[in-house]
Amino acid sequence: MNQPLHHPTRVVNRGDRLFRGILRLFGLVVLAIALLILVELWEVARPSVERFGLRFLIETQWDPVREQFGALPFVYGTLVSSLIAILLAVPLGLGVAFFLSEMAPRWLREPVSFLVELLAAIPSVVYGLWGLFVLVPIIRSLELAILRTGLSRVPLFSGAPYGIGMLSAGVVLAIMIVPTVAAVSREVFRAVPDSQREAALALGATRWEAMKVVFDYGRPGIVGAVVLAWGRALGETMAVNMVIGNQPIISASLFSPAHTMASVIASEFNEAVEPMHVAALAEIGLALLGLTLLLSALARLLVLRVERRSRGRQAAQGVTSP
């Protein structure tokens, strides 16, 4: 006479299982795509891997005519240009995020936030054109001024004043990743509970000291924002390709032309006709993928370590506070 009580629950559980299965399928699809990319790169790069081995990453000569390939200049250019970008972009991005989340009036907050997000949507080739026609002349003038002051004797500032080189690429990359650092850090700061700010101000802290509390609370998210921006800087292609000079050179000078792992693939892949040349470029892509994965793993470990320290500090403060 009475309907069984477990029937609606069984229907709901079927829906939950179906939804869980669909989400697992999506996750497996993403994993399968990553594995397919890795397998395809390995198949194309295998001749170069078998011929050069690990020497490929430490050799400096790049001569497609003689089939002598070494990726060290490109690894060097990738790391140095991305580090320049991080050193320039992180302070500026964090400053913008602090301003938008803590100090900006409401009528200014939304327009500036929109402009920051708009910068992230600009195509990289547009940044490259801007760098080529606007930034490069400025860098060239800076190099000429340095030559007049005699600082060119320092290896870091030596070289001919081309304007196109490592410094120009780093500045363009910094401008490109500032929106990433600013947008993610702003959301991290907004997620900090107001009780943290109010407690600091109630204890007599200045506005700057209260901002330091917010920064300490959101440090794991800030590390994630920096790593996300660094990952984009490592893989950026067109903008860097237009302003870095595209020469496989290892030089201590910031003004020297250089090459990156992504830019050399974009520059030479269409012109690569010999199988070994194609394999060497594919091995560079494989190395770039490995470098990105290694950076992501190290960043994840760093975030976990920072989170653990923050929780320990907060627990200690909770125990010792009256």
Protein backbone atom coordinates (compact mmCIF):
# COMPACT_ATOMS: atom_id res chain seq x y z
CA MET A 1 0.00 0.00 0.00
CA ASN A 2 2.70 2.51 0.95
CA GLN A 3 5.41 3.46 -1.57
CA PRO A 4 8.93 2.33 -0.63
CA LEU A 5 10.92 5.09 0.98
CA HIS A 6 14.22 4.16 -0.66
CA HIS A 7 13.07 4.72 -4.26
CA PRO A 8 13.71 8.52 -4.45
CA THR A 9 17.08 8.07 -2.80
CA ARG A 10 18.06 5.45 -5.36
CA VAL A 11 17.10 7.82 -8.19
CA VAL A 12 19.18 10.62 -6.66
CA ASN A 13 22.16 8.28 -6.19
CA ARG A 14 21.98 7.23 -9.83
CA GLY A 15 22.15 10.87 -10.84
CA ASP A 16 25.11 11.44 -8.56
CA ARG A 17 26.92 8.42 -9.96
CA LEU A 18 26.24 9.55 -13.52
CA PHE A 19 27.53 13.05 -12.77
CA ARG A 20 30.60 11.63 -11.03
CA GLY A 21 31.29 9.39 -13.99
CA ILE A 22 31.04 12.30 -16.44
CA LEU A 23 33.49 14.36 -14.40
CA ARG A 24 35.91 11.43 -14.24
CA LEU A 25 35.60 11.08 -18.01
CA PHE A 26 36.49 14.76 -18.47
CA GLY A 27 39.52 14.35 -16.24
CA LEU A 28 40.66 11.26 -18.16
CA VAL A 29 40.22 13.11 -21.47
CA VAL A 30 42.52 15.91 -20.29
CA LEU A 31 45.07 13.33 -19.13
CA ALA A 32 44.80 11.47 -22.43
CA ILE A 33 45.40 14.66 -24.41
CA ALA A 34 48.52 15.42 -22.38
CA LEU A 35 49.80 11.88 -22.89
CA LEU A 36 49.12 12.05 -26.64
CA ILE A 37 51.08 15.28 -26.88
CA LEU A 38 53.96 13.71 -24.98
CA VAL A 39 53.93 10.55 -27.11
CA GLU A 40 53.79 12.47 -30.39
CA LEU A 41 56.64 14.76 -29.38
CA TRP A 42 58.69 11.75 -28.34
CA GLU A 43 58.10 9.96 -31.64
CA VAL A 44 59.16 12.98 -33.69
CA ALA A 45 62.12 13.79 -31.43
CA ARG A 46 63.41 10.22 -31.15
CA PRO A 47 66.11 10.51 -33.89
CA SER A 48 67.59 13.55 -32.17
CA VAL A 49 67.37 11.93 -28.73
CA GLU A 50 69.09 8.77 -29.96
CA ARG A 51 71.85 10.70 -31.73
CA PHE A 52 72.67 13.44 -29.21
CA GLY A 53 71.33 12.11 -25.90
CA LEU A 54 71.73 14.40 -22.92
CA ARG A 55 74.47 16.31 -24.78
CA PHE A 56 71.65 18.06 -26.59
CA LEU A 57 70.89 20.13 -23.49
CA ILE A 58 74.49 21.20 -22.84
CA GLU A 59 75.84 21.75 -26.35
CA THR A 60 75.95 25.34 -27.63
CA GLN A 61 76.34 24.87 -31.38
CA TRP A 62 73.23 25.11 -33.56
CA ASP A 63 74.06 24.42 -37.22
CA PRO A 64 71.24 22.85 -39.28
CA VAL A 65 73.49 22.60 -42.36
CA ARG A 66 76.01 20.34 -40.59
CA GLU A 67 73.29 18.77 -38.42
CA GLN A 68 74.96 19.91 -35.23
CA PHE A 69 72.32 20.77 -32.66
CA GLY A 70 72.62 21.98 -29.09
CA ALA A 71 69.79 23.53 -27.08
CA LEU A 72 71.72 25.27 -24.30
CA PRO A 73 71.49 28.80 -25.84
CA PHE A 74 67.71 28.43 -26.08
CA VAL A 75 67.36 27.09 -22.54
CA TYR A 76 69.50 30.00 -21.33
CA GLY A 77 67.44 32.56 -23.26
CA THR A 78 64.18 31.09 -21.97
CA LEU A 79 65.22 31.12 -18.33
CA VAL A 80 66.89 34.55 -18.35
CA SER A 81 64.11 36.34 -20.25
CA SER A 82 61.42 34.81 -18.02
CA LEU A 83 63.37 35.70 -14.86
CA ILE A 84 63.69 39.31 -16.03
CA ALA A 85 59.95 39.34 -16.63
CA ILE A 86 59.20 37.92 -13.17
CA LEU A 87 61.50 40.40 -11.43
CA LEU A 88 59.76 43.30 -13.17
CA ALA A 89 56.18 42.05 -13.19
CA VAL A 90 55.73 40.66 -9.67
CA PRO A 91 56.24 43.94 -7.72
CA LEU A 92 54.08 45.87 -10.19
CA GLY A 93 51.36 43.21 -10.26
CA LEU A 94 51.24 42.92 -6.48
CA GLY A 95 51.11 46.70 -6.17
CA VAL A 96 48.16 46.87 -8.55
CA ALA A 97 46.42 44.05 -6.67
CA PHE A 98 46.94 45.77 -3.30
CA PHE A 99 45.62 49.03 -4.69
CA LEU A 100 42.51 47.44 -6.19
CA SER A 101 41.66 45.29 -3.18
CA GLU A 102 42.66 47.55 -0.28
CA MET A 103 42.93 51.22 -1.26
CA ALA A 104 41.10 52.04 -4.49
CA PRO A 105 37.74 53.87 -4.14
CA ARG A 106 34.72 52.00 -5.46
CA TRP A 107 34.23 54.27 -8.46
CA LEU A 108 37.81 53.58 -9.61
CA ARG A 109 38.08 49.92 -8.68
CA GLU A 110 35.89 48.46 -11.41
CA PRO A 111 37.29 50.46 -14.38
CA VAL A 112 40.88 49.69 -13.40
CA SER A 113 40.05 46.01 -12.85
CA PHE A 114 38.45 45.90 -16.28
CA LEU A 115 41.54 47.44 -17.88
CA VAL A 116 43.83 44.96 -16.13
CA GLU A 117 41.74 42.04 -17.39
CA LEU A 118 41.66 43.61 -20.86
CA LEU A 119 45.47 43.65 -20.97
CA ALA A 120 45.45 39.89 -20.44
CA ALA A 121 43.21 39.45 -23.50
CA ILE A 122 45.45 41.36 -25.94
CA PRO A 123 47.03 38.98 -28.50
CA SER A 124 50.74 38.42 -28.08
CA VAL A 125 51.51 39.58 -31.62
CA VAL A 126 50.11 43.00 -30.70
CA TYR A 127 52.51 43.15 -27.77
CA GLY A 128 55.28 42.18 -30.16
CA LEU A 129 54.43 44.99 -32.58
CA TRP A 130 54.28 47.48 -29.72
CA GLY A 131 57.61 46.25 -28.44
CA LEU A 132 59.20 46.47 -31.86
CA PHE A 133 58.05 50.01 -32.68
CA VAL A 134 57.87 51.61 -29.21
CA LEU A 135 59.92 49.69 -26.68
CA VAL A 136 62.95 48.85 -28.81
CA PRO A 137 63.76 52.54 -29.58
CA ILE A 138 63.49 53.31 -25.86
CA ILE A 139 65.83 50.43 -24.98
CA ARG A 140 68.24 51.57 -27.69
CA SER A 141 68.32 55.08 -26.19
CA LEU A 142 68.95 53.56 -22.77
CA GLU A 143 71.83 51.50 -24.15
CA LEU A 144 73.38 54.58 -25.77
CA ALA A 145 73.10 56.46 -22.47
CA ILE A 146 74.81 53.57 -20.67
CA LEU A 147 77.61 53.60 -23.24
CA ARG A 148 78.20 57.31 -22.54
CA THR A 149 78.43 56.76 -18.79
CA GLY A 150 81.04 54.03 -19.10
CA LEU A 151 78.93 51.28 -17.54
CA SER A 152 79.40 49.26 -20.70
CA ARG A 153 82.56 47.86 -19.08
CA VAL A 154 80.27 45.86 -16.81
CA PRO A 155 79.47 42.56 -18.58
CA LEU A 156 75.79 42.93 -17.74
CA PHE A 157 75.54 46.15 -19.78
CA SER A 158 78.08 45.46 -22.50
CA GLY A 159 77.40 45.04 -26.19
CA ALA A 160 76.29 47.08 -29.17
CA PRO A 161 73.19 49.27 -28.77
CA TYR A 162 70.82 47.32 -31.01
CA GLY A 163 67.74 47.78 -28.86
CA ILE A 164 66.66 44.27 -29.81
CA GLY A 165 67.82 41.70 -27.30
CA MET A 166 67.27 39.97 -23.99
CA LEU A 167 66.22 43.09 -22.08
CA SER A 168 63.54 44.03 -24.61
CA ALA A 169 62.14 40.50 -24.52
CA GLY A 170 62.08 40.49 -20.72
CA VAL A 171 60.27 43.84 -20.56
CA VAL A 172 57.66 42.74 -23.11
CA LEU A 173 57.11 39.52 -21.19
CA ALA A 174 56.79 41.48 -17.94
CA ILE A 175 54.06 43.67 -19.43
CA MET A 176 52.26 40.57 -20.70
CA ILE A 177 52.24 38.74 -17.35
CA VAL A 178 51.46 41.73 -15.11
CA PRO A 179 47.67 41.22 -15.65
CA THR A 180 48.00 37.57 -14.58
CA VAL A 181 49.83 38.43 -11.37
CA ALA A 182 47.49 41.36 -10.62
CA ALA A 183 44.21 39.56 -11.34
CA VAL A 184 45.00 36.38 -9.41
CA SER A 185 46.58 38.25 -6.48
CA ARG A 186 43.62 40.61 -6.28
CA GLU A 187 41.25 37.66 -5.89
CA VAL A 188 43.57 36.20 -3.24
CA PHE A 189 43.56 39.45 -1.26
CA ARG A 190 39.79 39.76 -1.56
CA ALA A 191 39.44 36.24 -0.15
CA VAL A 192 41.28 37.23 3.04
CA PRO A 193 38.68 37.56 5.83
CA ASP A 194 37.94 41.10 6.96
CA SER A 195 38.53 39.95 10.53
CA GLN A 196 42.27 39.76 9.76
CA ARG A 197 42.39 43.40 8.69
CA GLU A 198 40.13 44.56 11.53
CA ALA A 199 42.16 42.68 14.13
CA ALA A 200 45.39 44.27 12.91
CA LEU A 201 43.89 47.77 12.89
CA ALA A 202 42.30 47.22 16.32
CA LEU A 203 45.72 46.38 17.74
CA GLY A 204 47.05 49.74 16.55
CA ALA A 205 48.65 48.62 13.31
CA THR A 206 49.17 51.15 10.54
CA ARG A 207 47.65 50.68 7.09
CA TRP A 208 50.96 49.33 5.82
CA GLU A 209 51.22 46.84 8.71
CA ALA A 210 47.64 45.70 8.07
CA MET A 211 48.55 45.14 4.41
CA LYS A 212 51.48 42.98 5.54
CA VAL A 213 49.01 40.84 7.49
CA VAL A 214 46.90 40.42 4.36
CA PHE A 215 50.01 39.53 2.37
CA ASP A 216 51.08 36.88 4.91
CA TYR A 217 47.61 35.36 4.97
CA GLY A 218 47.42 35.13 1.17
CA ARG A 219 51.02 34.06 0.55
CA PRO A 220 50.16 30.59 -0.87
CA GLY A 221 47.84 32.16 -3.44
CA ILE A 222 50.49 34.75 -4.33
CA VAL A 223 53.01 31.99 -4.97
CA GLY A 224 50.47 30.34 -7.25
CA ALA A 225 49.93 33.60 -9.15
CA VAL A 226 53.67 34.06 -9.67
CA VAL A 227 54.09 30.51 -10.91
CA LEU A 228 51.14 30.85 -13.27
CA ALA A 229 52.64 34.01 -14.72
CA TRP A 230 56.08 32.39 -14.97
CA GLY A 231 54.57 29.49 -16.90
CA ARG A 232 53.14 31.88 -19.45
CA ALA A 233 56.46 33.70 -19.74
CA LEU A 234 58.29 30.43 -20.41
CA GLY A 235 56.03 29.47 -23.29
CA GLU A 236 55.44 32.86 -24.91
CA THR A 237 56.40 32.83 -28.58
CA MET A 238 55.40 35.58 -31.00
CA ALA A 239 56.04 38.67 -28.89
CA VAL A 240 59.45 37.37 -27.83
CA ASN A 241 60.28 36.28 -31.36
CA MET A 242 59.81 39.84 -32.62
CA VAL A 243 62.09 41.62 -30.14
CA ILE A 244 64.74 39.18 -28.87
CA GLY A 245 66.99 39.16 -31.93
CA ASN A 246 66.76 35.42 -32.69
CA GLN A 247 70.43 34.45 -32.37
CA PRO A 248 71.63 31.32 -30.53
CA ILE A 249 74.04 33.21 -28.30
CA ILE A 250 74.87 32.83 -24.61
CA SER A 251 75.95 36.22 -23.27
CA ALA A 252 76.02 37.85 -19.87
CA SER A 253 74.86 41.12 -21.43
CA LEU A 254 71.19 42.05 -21.21
CA PHE A 255 71.57 43.95 -24.48
CA SER A 256 72.77 40.96 -26.51
CA PRO A 257 70.43 39.25 -29.00
CA ALA A 258 69.28 35.80 -27.93
CA HIS A 259 66.79 33.04 -28.62
CA THR A 260 64.25 31.10 -26.56
CA MET A 261 62.99 27.56 -26.84
CA ALA A 262 59.59 28.66 -28.06
CA SER A 263 60.86 31.32 -30.47
CA VAL A 264 63.33 29.01 -32.22
CA ILE A 265 60.55 26.51 -32.91
CA ALA A 266 58.34 29.24 -34.35
CA SER A 267 61.21 30.67 -36.41
CA GLU A 268 62.61 27.50 -37.94
CA PHE A 269 59.93 24.84 -38.01
CA ASN A 270 58.39 25.89 -41.34
CA GLU A 271 61.84 26.00 -42.94
CA ALA A 272 63.06 22.70 -41.48
CA VAL A 273 63.31 20.21 -44.37
CA GLU A 274 65.82 17.71 -42.99
CA PRO A 275 64.42 15.03 -40.66
CA MET A 276 67.15 15.63 -38.08
CA HIS A 277 66.37 19.35 -37.98
CA VAL A 278 62.70 18.60 -37.38
CA ALA A 279 63.64 16.07 -34.70
CA ALA A 280 65.90 18.61 -32.95
CA LEU A 281 63.11 21.18 -32.88
CA ALA A 282 60.71 18.56 -31.53
CA GLU A 283 63.23 17.70 -28.82
CA ILE A 284 63.35 21.38 -27.87
CA GLY A 285 59.57 21.27 -27.57
CA LEU A 286 59.87 18.15 -25.44
CA ALA A 287 62.44 19.86 -23.22
CA LEU A 288 60.18 22.92 -22.90
CA LEU A 289 57.29 20.69 -21.87
CA GLY A 290 59.51 18.99 -19.30
CA LEU A 291 60.72 22.34 -17.98
CA THR A 292 57.13 23.54 -17.59
CA LEU A 293 56.10 20.35 -15.80
CA LEU A 294 59.13 20.57 -13.51
CA LEU A 295 58.32 24.18 -12.67
CA SER A 296 54.70 23.28 -11.95
CA ALA A 297 55.74 20.43 -9.65
CA LEU A 298 58.23 22.60 -7.77
CA ALA A 299 55.65 25.36 -7.48
CA ARG A 300 53.10 22.94 -6.09
CA LEU A 301 55.57 21.76 -3.47
CA LEU A 302 56.39 25.37 -2.61
CA VAL A 303 52.72 26.25 -2.24
CA LEU A 304 52.16 23.26 0.05
CA ARG A 305 55.18 24.23 2.14
CA VAL A 306 53.99 27.84 2.44
CA GLU A 307 50.48 26.68 3.38
CA ARG A 308 51.92 24.38 6.04
CA ARG A 309 54.01 27.20 7.51
CA SER A 310 51.06 29.59 7.48
CA ARG A 311 48.83 27.10 9.27
CA GLY A 312 51.53 26.42 11.85
CA ARG A 313 52.03 30.14 12.45
CA GLN A 314 48.29 30.76 12.79
CA ALA A 315 47.94 27.78 15.18
CA ALA A 316 50.82 29.07 17.30
CA GLN A 317 49.30 32.53 17.44
CA GLY A 318 45.94 31.03 18.42
CA VAL A 319 47.54 29.09 21.27
CA THR A 320 49.65 31.92 22.64
CA SER A 321 47.03 34.64 22.28
CA PRO A 322 44.93 35.31 25.39
